[in-house]
Amino acid sequence: MSTTDREIQNVVLVHGAFADGSGWRGVYDNLTARGYRVTIVQNPLTSLDDDVAATVRVLDRQDGPTILVGHSWGGTVITEAGVHPNVAGLVYVSALAPDAGETTAQQYDGFAATPDFVIDVAEDGYGFLNADTFKAGFAADASDADAAFLRDSQVPVNMAAFATPVRRAAWRDKPSWAVIATEDRAFDQAMLQHMAKRINAKITNVSASHALFATQPDVVSDVIVSAAQNAAGTR
């Protein structure tokens, strides 16, 4: 299927913590083959403000209405950056969705721990995912080779970012979609469902790991296309 004049044609993809934009390659290839204009943000993961600024720079370059997509920590980023006037809809891919005044860390309150998702924090406050548990906790449905690439290309995150409150929540004013990995071991499943329902997202569940942004490009792309087709009518 190709885009039409009535559909939103711009898509911006925002990666999460412990990752970079290369994990979006499958989604990028799928969407560009279908006629969409896709741009991938490279978050520095140094602070919420820095990641939002990196996303806003990309949104400023869009030539019209845009679907803004975030994976994991990228959900916090798009929640703040999504107030940008070019953003017509939001897609959360096993992603965090705090409200204004809430921190990322607060989203975990009251939900089960995820023991396979182990973060090693250095003295400078930056965290990497533990190499020994990386595949189990982050990318269980990836091949050994793909999981190793994700592990070895991960970008450390400033852990203080998770304690920074979101100032504005774009999902309060813009339509949202959510793709949730039912085998996610980074977030409690109940936590993911709770966040998606709270923002009134249209939810798609898929049997996948937390790395579904890389391992399930067809499912994720189909949801983005649905957002592009339907968000246009809400503007």
Protein backbone atom coordinates (compact mmCIF):
# COMPACT_ATOMS: atom_id res chain seq x y z
CA MET A 1 0.00 0.00 0.00
CA SER A 2 1.26 3.49 -0.74
CA THR A 3 0.28 6.74 0.90
CA THR A 4 -2.43 9.02 -0.43
CA ASP A 5 -2.82 12.77 -0.28
CA ARG A 6 -5.24 12.36 2.61
CA GLU A 7 -2.82 10.42 4.79
CA ILE A 8 -0.06 11.75 6.98
CA GLN A 9 3.19 10.93 5.21
CA ASN A 10 5.86 11.92 7.74
CA VAL A 11 7.03 9.57 10.48
CA VAL A 12 9.65 10.31 13.14
CA LEU A 13 11.10 7.39 15.13
CA VAL A 14 12.59 7.87 18.62
CA HIS A 15 14.66 5.12 20.23
CA GLY A 16 14.85 4.37 23.93
CA ALA A 17 17.55 3.94 26.54
CA PHE A 18 20.38 1.45 26.02
CA ALA A 19 19.82 1.62 22.24
CA ASP A 20 20.36 3.78 19.21
CA GLY A 21 18.48 4.51 16.02
CA SER A 22 19.86 1.51 14.12
CA GLY A 23 17.27 -0.76 15.73
CA TRP A 24 14.58 0.97 13.68
CA ARG A 25 16.05 -0.22 10.35
CA GLY A 26 13.34 -2.81 9.71
CA VAL A 27 10.55 -0.31 10.42
CA TYR A 28 12.31 2.29 8.29
CA ASP A 29 12.61 -0.11 5.35
CA ASN A 30 8.98 -1.21 5.68
CA LEU A 31 7.55 2.30 5.83
CA THR A 32 9.71 3.88 3.14
CA ALA A 33 8.76 1.02 0.80
CA ARG A 34 5.14 2.00 1.41
CA GLY A 35 5.77 5.63 0.50
CA TYR A 36 6.30 7.25 3.90
CA ARG A 37 8.98 9.83 4.67
CA VAL A 38 10.78 8.49 7.73
CA THR A 39 13.35 10.21 9.95
CA ILE A 40 15.17 8.59 12.86
CA VAL A 41 16.18 10.62 15.92
CA GLN A 42 19.51 9.83 17.58
CA ASN A 43 18.94 10.57 21.26
CA PRO A 44 22.09 11.43 23.25
CA LEU A 45 20.48 9.89 26.36
CA THR A 46 22.18 12.53 28.50
CA SER A 47 18.99 14.08 29.92
CA LEU A 48 15.29 14.34 29.18
CA ASP A 49 15.77 17.91 27.96
CA ASP A 50 18.59 16.86 25.62
CA ASP A 51 16.56 14.02 24.13
CA VAL A 52 13.50 16.23 23.70
CA ALA A 53 15.68 18.87 22.03
CA ALA A 54 17.11 16.27 19.62
CA THR A 55 13.57 15.19 18.74
CA VAL A 56 12.31 18.74 18.30
CA ARG A 57 15.15 19.49 15.88
CA VAL A 58 13.93 16.64 13.69
CA LEU A 59 10.29 17.66 14.03
CA ASP A 60 11.19 21.19 12.94
CA ARG A 61 12.44 19.71 9.66
CA GLN A 62 9.17 17.96 8.80
CA ASP A 63 7.15 19.50 5.97
CA GLY A 64 3.74 18.80 7.48
CA PRO A 65 1.76 16.61 9.88
CA THR A 66 3.84 13.86 11.44
CA ILE A 67 3.36 10.64 13.38
CA LEU A 68 5.80 10.59 16.30
CA VAL A 69 6.85 7.13 17.50
CA GLY A 70 8.74 6.24 20.68
CA HIS A 71 10.11 2.98 22.05
CA SER A 72 10.58 2.43 25.80
CA TRP A 73 12.20 5.60 27.25
CA GLY A 74 11.39 7.15 23.89
CA GLY A 75 7.78 7.21 25.09
CA THR A 76 8.71 9.72 27.77
CA VAL A 77 10.54 11.75 25.13
CA ILE A 78 7.60 11.83 22.69
CA THR A 79 5.21 12.65 25.51
CA GLU A 80 7.11 15.92 26.01
CA ALA A 81 8.22 16.59 22.43
CA GLY A 82 4.85 15.62 20.99
CA VAL A 83 3.32 18.99 21.80
CA HIS A 84 5.18 20.22 18.70
CA PRO A 85 2.67 21.60 16.19
CA ASN A 86 3.79 19.20 13.46
CA VAL A 87 2.81 16.16 15.53
CA ALA A 88 -0.61 14.76 14.62
CA GLY A 89 -0.46 11.46 16.48
CA LEU A 90 1.67 9.41 18.85
CA VAL A 91 2.66 5.74 18.75
CA TYR A 92 4.03 4.14 21.94
CA VAL A 93 6.04 0.95 21.32
CA SER A 94 6.29 -0.85 24.69
CA ALA A 95 6.87 2.67 25.88
CA LEU A 96 6.59 4.83 28.95
CA ALA A 97 3.79 7.41 29.04
CA PRO A 98 4.02 9.70 32.07
CA ASP A 99 1.64 12.57 32.68
CA ALA A 100 2.66 16.17 33.20
CA GLY A 101 4.44 16.49 36.54
CA GLU A 102 5.31 12.78 36.68
CA THR A 103 8.73 11.20 36.30
CA THR A 104 9.64 8.10 34.37
CA ALA A 105 10.65 6.37 37.59
CA GLN A 106 7.17 6.90 39.06
CA GLN A 107 5.64 4.76 36.32
CA TYR A 108 7.11 1.66 37.98
CA ASP A 109 5.41 2.27 41.34
CA GLY A 110 3.13 -0.58 42.35
CA PHE A 111 4.18 -2.94 39.56
CA ALA A 112 6.24 -6.12 39.62
CA ALA A 113 10.01 -6.08 39.35
CA THR A 114 11.72 -7.39 36.19
CA PRO A 115 14.75 -9.38 37.40
CA ASP A 116 16.04 -10.20 33.91
CA PHE A 117 16.43 -6.50 33.11
CA VAL A 118 19.68 -5.66 34.92
CA ILE A 119 21.23 -2.18 34.73
CA ASP A 120 24.88 -1.69 35.66
CA VAL A 121 25.36 1.90 36.81
CA ALA A 122 28.85 3.41 36.74
CA GLU A 123 30.23 5.99 39.15
CA ASP A 124 29.36 8.79 36.72
CA GLY A 125 25.67 7.88 36.95
CA TYR A 126 25.37 6.37 33.48
CA GLY A 127 23.89 2.90 33.06
CA PHE A 128 24.45 0.03 30.63
CA LEU A 129 22.36 -3.12 30.45
CA ASN A 130 24.27 -6.06 31.89
CA ALA A 131 25.90 -8.05 29.09
CA ASP A 132 25.14 -11.45 30.63
CA THR A 133 21.39 -10.83 30.95
CA PHE A 134 20.97 -8.54 27.93
CA LYS A 135 19.28 -11.03 25.62
CA ALA A 136 16.93 -12.41 28.29
CA GLY A 137 15.92 -8.99 29.55
CA PHE A 138 15.88 -6.93 26.36
CA ALA A 139 15.82 -9.04 23.21
CA ALA A 140 14.72 -12.60 23.96
CA ASP A 141 13.03 -13.02 20.55
CA ALA A 142 16.06 -11.82 18.57
CA SER A 143 18.60 -14.15 17.04
CA ASP A 144 21.83 -14.54 18.97
CA ALA A 145 23.62 -12.43 16.36
CA ASP A 146 21.03 -9.64 16.41
CA ALA A 147 20.90 -9.63 20.21
CA ALA A 148 24.69 -9.38 20.31
CA PHE A 149 24.60 -6.40 17.94
CA LEU A 150 22.00 -4.64 20.07
CA ARG A 151 24.02 -5.41 23.20
CA ASP A 152 27.28 -4.15 21.74
CA SER A 153 25.82 -1.01 20.15
CA GLN A 154 23.88 0.11 23.22
CA VAL A 155 24.19 3.73 24.32
CA PRO A 156 24.43 4.35 28.07
CA VAL A 157 21.75 6.50 29.66
CA ASN A 158 22.12 9.14 32.34
CA MET A 159 20.04 7.49 35.07
CA ALA A 160 19.12 10.91 36.48
CA ALA A 161 16.91 11.40 33.43
CA PHE A 162 14.42 8.91 34.86
CA ALA A 163 13.88 11.23 37.83
CA THR A 164 13.08 14.28 35.69
CA PRO A 165 9.39 15.24 35.57
CA VAL A 166 7.63 15.68 32.25
CA ARG A 167 6.35 19.25 31.90
CA ARG A 168 3.66 18.59 29.28
CA ALA A 169 1.86 15.45 28.13
CA ALA A 170 1.09 15.49 24.43
CA TRP A 171 -1.18 12.44 24.70
CA ARG A 172 -3.75 14.57 26.51
CA ASP A 173 -4.43 16.48 23.28
CA LYS A 174 -3.35 14.14 20.49
CA PRO A 175 -4.55 10.65 19.49
CA SER A 176 -2.36 7.78 20.60
CA TRP A 177 -1.65 4.19 19.61
CA ALA A 178 0.29 1.57 21.57
CA VAL A 179 2.09 -1.60 20.52
CA ILE A 180 2.73 -3.78 23.57
CA ALA A 181 5.11 -6.76 23.69
CA THR A 182 3.39 -9.45 25.74
CA GLU A 183 6.74 -11.11 26.56
CA ASP A 184 8.38 -7.86 27.63
CA ARG A 185 10.84 -8.43 30.48
CA ALA A 186 11.89 -4.82 30.89
CA PHE A 187 8.46 -3.63 32.07
CA ASP A 188 5.76 -5.47 33.96
CA GLN A 189 2.95 -6.34 31.53
CA ALA A 190 0.39 -4.80 33.88
CA MET A 191 2.40 -1.57 33.85
CA LEU A 192 2.41 -1.41 30.05
CA GLN A 193 -1.32 -2.08 29.81
CA HIS A 194 -2.06 0.47 32.54
CA MET A 195 -0.10 3.23 30.83
CA ALA A 196 -1.62 2.55 27.42
CA LYS A 197 -5.17 2.48 28.77
CA ARG A 198 -4.63 5.65 30.79
CA ILE A 199 -3.70 7.59 27.66
CA ASN A 200 -6.69 6.08 25.81
CA ALA A 201 -4.41 4.50 23.21
CA LYS A 202 -5.63 2.05 20.61
CA ILE A 203 -3.71 -1.04 21.75
CA THR A 204 -2.11 -3.78 19.65
CA ASN A 205 -0.58 -6.69 21.57
CA VAL A 206 2.15 -8.81 19.98
CA SER A 207 4.10 -11.79 21.29
CA ALA A 208 7.56 -10.25 21.45
CA SER A 209 10.37 -9.07 23.70
CA HIS A 210 11.11 -5.52 24.76
CA ALA A 211 13.12 -5.15 21.55
CA LEU A 212 9.99 -5.36 19.40
CA PHE A 213 10.98 -2.10 17.70
CA ALA A 214 13.72 -4.18 16.04
CA THR A 215 12.25 -7.70 16.06
CA GLN A 216 8.65 -6.97 14.98
CA PRO A 217 8.99 -4.35 12.24
CA ASP A 218 5.91 -5.48 10.32
CA VAL A 219 3.55 -5.23 13.30
CA VAL A 220 5.01 -1.91 14.45
CA SER A 221 4.86 -0.52 10.91
CA ASP A 222 1.22 -1.55 10.48
CA VAL A 223 0.26 0.34 13.63
CA ILE A 224 2.16 3.42 12.44
CA VAL A 225 0.32 3.23 9.12
CA SER A 226 -3.00 2.99 10.97
CA ALA A 227 -2.04 6.09 12.95
CA ALA A 228 -1.11 7.92 9.75
CA GLN A 229 -4.43 7.02 8.17
CA ASN A 230 -6.57 7.89 11.16
CA ALA A 231 -4.82 10.78 12.92
CA ALA A 232 -5.32 12.96 9.86
CA GLY A 233 -9.05 12.98 10.48
CA THR A 234 -8.62 14.27 14.02
CA ARG A 235 -6.72 17.44 13.13
